Amino acid sequence: MPIYFAYGRLLDPKIMASRCPNAKALGPASMGGYRFIVTSEGVPSMVKSPGKTVHGVLWDCRVGEIAVVDGAEALFRKGLDKVFLAVRFGQQSKSAILYVSRTAKTGKPHIKAWEGVMSGAAHWQFPELYREELRQWDLR
């Protein structure tokens, strides 16, 4: 089953369940060497940044649900790339699907794309410093 690394609105278990009811949360994970951004298109993404970390959740999805995730991540809008990268999961490294914007230009969060980000970060008990970093985007 494909593993998906969510760090945007699909962090929120309720939103993920509405999209992919058979997905199973494996738990919190992280991407070292990247930082969270909101692009000029208003969507969460990440850019390389030594010493920084993006926190997220690994979801074990059914093969058919990945097409649903593609749609939720607006892959077909052609603004995002679907990539496979190694993410940190406890003491392990796991290959996961994730979506990264083609632009690093930042902007204000789009209300629909931002939905679930803060509630998901709280649900998964991300580090407080990281949640504060997210709140800075929330205030824009």
N, C-alpha and C. Protein backbone atom coordinates (compact mmCIF):
# COMPACT_ATOMS: atom_id res chain seq x y z
N MET A 1 0.84 -1.18 0.00
CA MET A 1 0.00 0.00 0.00
C MET A 1 0.89 1.24 0.00
N PRO A 2 0.53 2.25 -0.78
CA PRO A 2 1.35 3.46 -0.84
C PRO A 2 1.32 4.24 0.49
N ILE A 3 2.44 4.83 0.80
CA ILE A 3 2.53 5.66 2.00
C ILE A 3 2.60 7.12 1.56
N TYR A 4 1.74 7.94 2.16
CA TYR A 4 1.62 9.36 1.82
C TYR A 4 2.01 10.19 3.03
N PHE A 5 2.85 11.20 2.80
CA PHE A 5 3.28 12.14 3.84
C PHE A 5 2.44 13.40 3.71
N ALA A 6 1.54 13.61 4.66
CA ALA A 6 0.68 14.81 4.67
C ALA A 6 1.29 15.86 5.59
N TYR A 7 1.39 17.09 5.10
CA TYR A 7 1.86 18.19 5.95
C TYR A 7 0.99 19.42 5.76
N GLY A 8 -0.09 19.28 5.02
CA GLY A 8 -1.06 20.35 4.81
C GLY A 8 -2.39 19.97 5.41
N ARG A 9 -3.48 20.26 4.71
CA ARG A 9 -4.80 20.04 5.29
C ARG A 9 -5.13 18.57 5.55
N LEU A 10 -4.48 17.65 4.86
CA LEU A 10 -4.76 16.23 5.10
C LEU A 10 -4.07 15.71 6.36
N LEU A 11 -3.46 16.61 7.13
CA LEU A 11 -2.99 16.27 8.47
C LEU A 11 -4.19 15.94 9.37
N ASP A 12 -5.27 16.66 9.14
CA ASP A 12 -6.45 16.55 9.98
C ASP A 12 -7.14 15.20 9.73
N PRO A 13 -7.25 14.35 10.75
CA PRO A 13 -7.84 13.03 10.55
C PRO A 13 -9.27 13.07 9.99
N LYS A 14 -10.05 14.07 10.37
CA LYS A 14 -11.43 14.15 9.86
C LYS A 14 -11.45 14.46 8.38
N ILE A 15 -10.59 15.37 7.96
CA ILE A 15 -10.53 15.71 6.53
C ILE A 15 -10.00 14.53 5.73
N MET A 16 -8.96 13.87 6.25
CA MET A 16 -8.42 12.71 5.55
C MET A 16 -9.47 11.60 5.47
N ALA A 17 -10.21 11.37 6.54
CA ALA A 17 -11.24 10.32 6.54
C ALA A 17 -12.33 10.61 5.52
N SER A 18 -12.63 11.89 5.31
CA SER A 18 -13.67 12.23 4.33
C SER A 18 -13.18 11.98 2.90
N ARG A 19 -11.88 12.06 2.69
CA ARG A 19 -11.29 11.83 1.36
C ARG A 19 -10.93 10.36 1.14
N CYS A 20 -10.29 9.78 2.14
CA CYS A 20 -9.75 8.41 2.03
C CYS A 20 -10.15 7.62 3.27
N PRO A 21 -11.38 7.13 3.33
CA PRO A 21 -11.88 6.48 4.54
C PRO A 21 -11.11 5.21 4.94
N ASN A 22 -10.39 4.61 4.01
CA ASN A 22 -9.65 3.38 4.33
C ASN A 22 -8.20 3.63 4.70
N ALA A 23 -7.76 4.88 4.62
CA ALA A 23 -6.37 5.20 4.97
C ALA A 23 -6.15 5.00 6.47
N LYS A 24 -5.00 4.49 6.79
CA LYS A 24 -4.64 4.26 8.20
C LYS A 24 -3.47 5.17 8.56
N ALA A 25 -3.63 5.91 9.63
CA ALA A 25 -2.54 6.77 10.10
C ALA A 25 -1.45 5.90 10.71
N LEU A 26 -0.23 6.08 10.20
CA LEU A 26 0.91 5.40 10.81
C LEU A 26 1.47 6.24 11.95
N GLY A 27 1.30 7.57 11.84
CA GLY A 27 1.73 8.47 12.90
C GLY A 27 2.60 9.60 12.39
N PRO A 28 3.01 10.46 13.32
CA PRO A 28 3.83 11.62 12.95
C PRO A 28 5.16 11.22 12.32
N ALA A 29 5.59 12.05 11.39
CA ALA A 29 6.87 11.86 10.68
C ALA A 29 7.43 13.25 10.38
N SER A 30 8.63 13.31 9.83
CA SER A 30 9.23 14.62 9.55
C SER A 30 10.19 14.54 8.37
N MET A 31 10.41 15.71 7.79
CA MET A 31 11.35 15.88 6.67
C MET A 31 12.42 16.86 7.12
N GLY A 32 13.60 16.36 7.42
CA GLY A 32 14.70 17.24 7.79
C GLY A 32 15.29 17.91 6.56
N GLY A 33 15.82 19.13 6.75
CA GLY A 33 16.45 19.85 5.65
C GLY A 33 15.47 20.63 4.80
N TYR A 34 14.22 20.74 5.25
CA TYR A 34 13.19 21.51 4.56
C TYR A 34 12.47 22.40 5.56
N ARG A 35 11.84 23.46 5.03
CA ARG A 35 10.99 24.30 5.87
C ARG A 35 9.64 24.46 5.20
N PHE A 36 8.63 24.63 6.03
CA PHE A 36 7.25 24.80 5.57
C PHE A 36 7.07 26.20 5.01
N ILE A 37 6.34 26.29 3.90
CA ILE A 37 5.96 27.59 3.35
C ILE A 37 4.51 27.51 2.86
N VAL A 38 3.93 28.67 2.63
CA VAL A 38 2.68 28.78 1.89
C VAL A 38 3.05 29.53 0.62
N THR A 39 2.70 28.94 -0.52
CA THR A 39 3.10 29.53 -1.80
C THR A 39 2.24 30.73 -2.18
N SER A 40 2.67 31.40 -3.22
CA SER A 40 1.91 32.55 -3.73
C SER A 40 0.52 32.12 -4.21
N GLU A 41 0.35 30.81 -4.47
CA GLU A 41 -0.96 30.28 -4.84
C GLU A 41 -1.81 29.94 -3.61
N GLY A 42 -1.24 30.13 -2.42
CA GLY A 42 -1.98 29.93 -1.18
C GLY A 42 -1.99 28.52 -0.64
N VAL A 43 -1.10 27.65 -1.17
CA VAL A 43 -1.09 26.25 -0.73
C VAL A 43 0.18 25.92 0.06
N PRO A 44 0.05 25.02 1.05
CA PRO A 44 1.24 24.58 1.79
C PRO A 44 2.22 23.87 0.88
N SER A 45 3.50 24.10 1.13
CA SER A 45 4.56 23.41 0.43
C SER A 45 5.79 23.42 1.32
N MET A 46 6.90 22.98 0.77
CA MET A 46 8.16 23.02 1.51
C MET A 46 9.29 23.33 0.55
N VAL A 47 10.33 23.94 1.10
CA VAL A 47 11.52 24.25 0.34
C VAL A 47 12.74 23.78 1.13
N LYS A 48 13.81 23.48 0.40
CA LYS A 48 15.04 23.06 1.08
C LYS A 48 15.53 24.17 1.99
N SER A 49 15.92 23.78 3.19
CA SER A 49 16.42 24.73 4.16
C SER A 49 17.20 23.96 5.24
N PRO A 50 18.53 23.97 5.12
CA PRO A 50 19.34 23.23 6.10
C PRO A 50 19.01 23.62 7.54
N GLY A 51 18.91 22.63 8.38
CA GLY A 51 18.66 22.87 9.80
C GLY A 51 17.19 22.99 10.16
N LYS A 52 16.30 23.02 9.18
CA LYS A 52 14.87 23.14 9.45
C LYS A 52 14.19 21.78 9.27
N THR A 53 12.94 21.68 9.73
CA THR A 53 12.19 20.43 9.64
C THR A 53 10.72 20.74 9.35
N VAL A 54 10.14 19.94 8.47
CA VAL A 54 8.70 19.98 8.22
C VAL A 54 8.09 18.75 8.89
N HIS A 55 7.08 18.99 9.71
CA HIS A 55 6.40 17.89 10.41
C HIS A 55 5.14 17.51 9.64
N GLY A 56 4.82 16.24 9.69
CA GLY A 56 3.63 15.75 9.01
C GLY A 56 3.21 14.41 9.57
N VAL A 57 2.35 13.73 8.81
CA VAL A 57 1.82 12.44 9.23
C VAL A 57 1.92 11.47 8.06
N LEU A 58 2.29 10.24 8.35
CA LEU A 58 2.30 9.21 7.34
C LEU A 58 0.96 8.49 7.34
N TRP A 59 0.39 8.37 6.15
CA TRP A 59 -0.86 7.65 5.95
C TRP A 59 -0.59 6.45 5.04
N ASP A 60 -1.07 5.30 5.43
CA ASP A 60 -1.01 4.11 4.61
C ASP A 60 -2.33 4.08 3.83
N CYS A 61 -2.25 4.31 2.54
CA CYS A 61 -3.44 4.44 1.70
C CYS A 61 -3.60 3.24 0.78
N ARG A 62 -4.82 2.99 0.39
CA ARG A 62 -5.06 1.99 -0.66
C ARG A 62 -4.63 2.61 -1.99
N VAL A 63 -4.26 1.78 -2.93
CA VAL A 63 -3.78 2.26 -4.22
C VAL A 63 -4.79 3.21 -4.86
N GLY A 64 -6.05 2.87 -4.85
CA GLY A 64 -7.08 3.71 -5.45
C GLY A 64 -7.26 5.05 -4.76
N GLU A 65 -6.89 5.14 -3.50
CA GLU A 65 -7.04 6.40 -2.77
C GLU A 65 -5.99 7.43 -3.16
N ILE A 66 -4.89 6.99 -3.74
CA ILE A 66 -3.86 7.95 -4.14
C ILE A 66 -4.39 8.90 -5.21
N ALA A 67 -5.27 8.43 -6.08
CA ALA A 67 -5.89 9.32 -7.07
C ALA A 67 -6.74 10.38 -6.37
N VAL A 68 -7.38 10.00 -5.27
CA VAL A 68 -8.17 10.96 -4.49
C VAL A 68 -7.24 11.99 -3.85
N VAL A 69 -6.12 11.52 -3.32
CA VAL A 69 -5.13 12.43 -2.73
C VAL A 69 -4.57 13.36 -3.81
N ASP A 70 -4.31 12.81 -5.01
CA ASP A 70 -3.86 13.66 -6.11
C ASP A 70 -4.83 14.82 -6.33
N GLY A 71 -6.11 14.51 -6.32
CA GLY A 71 -7.13 15.54 -6.51
C GLY A 71 -7.17 16.52 -5.35
N ALA A 72 -7.06 16.01 -4.13
CA ALA A 72 -7.08 16.87 -2.95
C ALA A 72 -5.87 17.80 -2.94
N GLU A 73 -4.77 17.32 -3.48
CA GLU A 73 -3.56 18.14 -3.53
C GLU A 73 -3.49 18.97 -4.81
N ALA A 74 -4.55 18.91 -5.61
CA ALA A 74 -4.64 19.70 -6.85
C ALA A 74 -3.48 19.41 -7.80
N LEU A 75 -3.07 18.16 -7.84
CA LEU A 75 -1.94 17.77 -8.69
C LEU A 75 -2.20 18.14 -10.15
N PHE A 76 -3.43 18.00 -10.56
CA PHE A 76 -3.73 18.21 -11.97
C PHE A 76 -3.79 19.69 -12.34
N ARG A 77 -3.63 20.56 -11.37
CA ARG A 77 -3.55 21.99 -11.63
C ARG A 77 -2.20 22.35 -12.23
N LYS A 78 -1.29 21.41 -12.18
CA LYS A 78 0.06 21.52 -12.72
C LYS A 78 0.96 22.47 -11.94
N GLY A 79 0.57 22.80 -10.73
CA GLY A 79 1.42 23.64 -9.90
C GLY A 79 2.24 22.85 -8.91
N LEU A 80 1.96 21.55 -8.82
CA LEU A 80 2.64 20.70 -7.86
C LEU A 80 3.32 19.53 -8.55
N ASP A 81 4.38 19.06 -7.92
CA ASP A 81 5.04 17.84 -8.36
C ASP A 81 4.78 16.77 -7.31
N LYS A 82 4.48 15.58 -7.77
CA LYS A 82 4.32 14.41 -6.90
C LYS A 82 5.67 13.73 -6.87
N VAL A 83 6.24 13.61 -5.68
CA VAL A 83 7.58 13.04 -5.55
C VAL A 83 7.59 11.95 -4.48
N PHE A 84 8.61 11.13 -4.53
CA PHE A 84 8.85 10.12 -3.51
C PHE A 84 10.15 10.53 -2.80
N LEU A 85 10.06 10.75 -1.51
CA LEU A 85 11.23 11.12 -0.73
C LEU A 85 11.25 10.31 0.56
N ALA A 86 12.42 10.23 1.15
CA ALA A 86 12.57 9.55 2.43
C ALA A 86 12.15 10.50 3.55
N VAL A 87 11.26 10.04 4.40
CA VAL A 87 10.84 10.82 5.56
C VAL A 87 11.24 10.07 6.82
N ARG A 88 11.40 10.82 7.88
CA ARG A 88 11.80 10.24 9.17
C ARG A 88 10.55 9.80 9.90
N PHE A 89 10.51 8.54 10.29
CA PHE A 89 9.39 7.98 11.03
C PHE A 89 9.96 7.24 12.23
N GLY A 90 9.95 7.90 13.37
CA GLY A 90 10.62 7.35 14.55
C GLY A 90 12.10 7.24 14.26
N GLN A 91 12.65 6.07 14.41
CA GLN A 91 14.07 5.84 14.13
C GLN A 91 14.29 5.32 12.71
N GLN A 92 13.22 5.23 11.93
CA GLN A 92 13.31 4.68 10.58
C GLN A 92 13.22 5.77 9.52
N SER A 93 13.62 5.39 8.33
CA SER A 93 13.44 6.23 7.15
C SER A 93 12.48 5.47 6.25
N LYS A 94 11.40 6.14 5.82
CA LYS A 94 10.42 5.50 4.95
C LYS A 94 10.24 6.32 3.69
N SER A 95 10.14 5.65 2.56
CA SER A 95 9.86 6.32 1.30
C SER A 95 8.37 6.64 1.25
N ALA A 96 8.05 7.88 0.95
CA ALA A 96 6.65 8.31 0.94
C ALA A 96 6.35 9.22 -0.25
N ILE A 97 5.10 9.22 -0.65
CA ILE A 97 4.62 10.15 -1.66
C ILE A 97 4.36 11.48 -0.96
N LEU A 98 4.78 12.55 -1.59
CA LEU A 98 4.40 13.88 -1.11
C LEU A 98 4.32 14.82 -2.29
N TYR A 99 3.73 15.95 -2.05
CA TYR A 99 3.47 16.92 -3.11
C TYR A 99 4.17 18.22 -2.76
N VAL A 100 4.92 18.74 -3.73
CA VAL A 100 5.71 19.96 -3.51
C VAL A 100 5.42 20.93 -4.64
N SER A 101 5.22 22.18 -4.29
CA SER A 101 4.93 23.20 -5.29
C SER A 101 6.16 23.46 -6.16
N ARG A 102 5.89 23.88 -7.38
CA ARG A 102 6.99 24.23 -8.29
C ARG A 102 7.49 25.65 -8.03
N THR A 103 6.79 26.39 -7.20
CA THR A 103 7.23 27.74 -6.88
C THR A 103 7.61 27.84 -5.40
N ALA A 104 8.61 28.62 -5.12
CA ALA A 104 9.01 28.88 -3.75
C ALA A 104 8.57 30.29 -3.33
N LYS A 105 7.89 30.97 -4.23
CA LYS A 105 7.38 32.31 -3.94
C LYS A 105 6.26 32.19 -2.91
N THR A 106 6.35 32.94 -1.83
CA THR A 106 5.39 32.79 -0.74
C THR A 106 4.23 33.78 -0.86
N GLY A 107 3.17 33.43 -0.15
CA GLY A 107 1.97 34.26 -0.16
C GLY A 107 1.11 33.98 1.06
N LYS A 108 -0.15 34.30 0.92
CA LYS A 108 -1.13 34.16 1.99
C LYS A 108 -1.90 32.85 1.81
N PRO A 109 -2.17 32.12 2.90
CA PRO A 109 -2.89 30.85 2.77
C PRO A 109 -4.28 31.03 2.18
N HIS A 110 -4.63 30.16 1.24
CA HIS A 110 -6.00 30.10 0.72
C HIS A 110 -6.84 29.40 1.78
N ILE A 111 -8.01 29.93 2.05
CA ILE A 111 -8.84 29.40 3.15
C ILE A 111 -9.09 27.90 3.03
N LYS A 112 -9.36 27.42 1.83
CA LYS A 112 -9.64 25.99 1.64
C LYS A 112 -8.37 25.15 1.83
N ALA A 113 -7.25 25.62 1.34
CA ALA A 113 -5.99 24.88 1.47
C ALA A 113 -5.47 24.90 2.90
N TRP A 114 -5.85 25.92 3.68
CA TRP A 114 -5.35 26.06 5.05
C TRP A 114 -6.19 25.27 6.04
N GLU A 115 -7.43 24.98 5.66
CA GLU A 115 -8.34 24.24 6.53
C GLU A 115 -7.68 22.95 7.00
N GLY A 116 -7.68 22.73 8.29
CA GLY A 116 -7.14 21.49 8.85
C GLY A 116 -5.67 21.51 9.23
N VAL A 117 -4.93 22.50 8.77
CA VAL A 117 -3.50 22.53 9.06
C VAL A 117 -3.26 22.70 10.56
N MET A 118 -3.86 23.72 11.15
CA MET A 118 -3.61 23.98 12.57
C MET A 118 -4.24 22.90 13.47
N SER A 119 -5.45 22.46 13.11
CA SER A 119 -6.09 21.42 13.92
C SER A 119 -5.32 20.10 13.81
N GLY A 120 -4.79 19.81 12.62
CA GLY A 120 -3.99 18.61 12.44
C GLY A 120 -2.70 18.66 13.24
N ALA A 121 -2.04 19.82 13.22
CA ALA A 121 -0.79 19.98 13.98
C ALA A 121 -1.03 19.80 15.47
N ALA A 122 -2.17 20.29 15.95
CA ALA A 122 -2.52 20.11 17.36
C ALA A 122 -2.86 18.64 17.65
N HIS A 123 -3.64 18.04 16.77
CA HIS A 123 -4.03 16.64 16.97
C HIS A 123 -2.81 15.73 17.09
N TRP A 124 -1.83 15.94 16.23
CA TRP A 124 -0.65 15.07 16.23
C TRP A 124 0.42 15.55 17.19
N GLN A 125 0.11 16.60 17.94
CA GLN A 125 1.01 17.13 18.97
C GLN A 125 2.39 17.45 18.43
N PHE A 126 2.41 18.17 17.31
CA PHE A 126 3.69 18.62 16.77
C PHE A 126 4.37 19.54 17.79
N PRO A 127 5.69 19.66 17.71
CA PRO A 127 6.39 20.53 18.66
C PRO A 127 5.82 21.95 18.66
N GLU A 128 5.76 22.54 19.83
CA GLU A 128 5.17 23.87 19.97
C GLU A 128 5.88 24.91 19.10
N LEU A 129 7.19 24.83 18.98
CA LEU A 129 7.90 25.79 18.12
C LEU A 129 7.46 25.67 16.66
N TYR A 130 7.19 24.46 16.22
CA TYR A 130 6.72 24.26 14.86
C TYR A 130 5.30 24.80 14.70
N ARG A 131 4.45 24.56 15.69
CA ARG A 131 3.08 25.09 15.62
C ARG A 131 3.10 26.61 15.60
N GLU A 132 4.04 27.20 16.32
CA GLU A 132 4.17 28.67 16.29
C GLU A 132 4.58 29.14 14.90
N GLU A 133 5.46 28.39 14.26
CA GLU A 133 5.86 28.71 12.88
C GLU A 133 4.64 28.66 11.95
N LEU A 134 3.79 27.65 12.13
CA LEU A 134 2.57 27.55 11.33
C LEU A 134 1.64 28.72 11.61
N ARG A 135 1.53 29.09 12.88
CA ARG A 135 0.63 30.21 13.26
C ARG A 135 1.05 31.51 12.56
N GLN A 136 2.34 31.67 12.30
CA GLN A 136 2.80 32.88 11.61
C GLN A 136 2.19 32.97 10.21
N TRP A 137 2.00 31.82 9.56
CA TRP A 137 1.32 31.81 8.25
C TRP A 137 -0.16 32.06 8.43
N ASP A 138 -0.72 31.54 9.52
CA ASP A 138 -2.15 31.67 9.80
C ASP A 138 -2.56 33.13 9.96
N LEU A 139 -1.65 33.96 10.42
CA LEU A 139 -1.95 35.36 10.73
C LEU A 139 -1.83 36.29 9.52
N ARG A 140 -1.34 35.81 8.41
CA ARG A 140 -1.12 36.67 7.25
C ARG A 140 -2.39 37.18 6.64
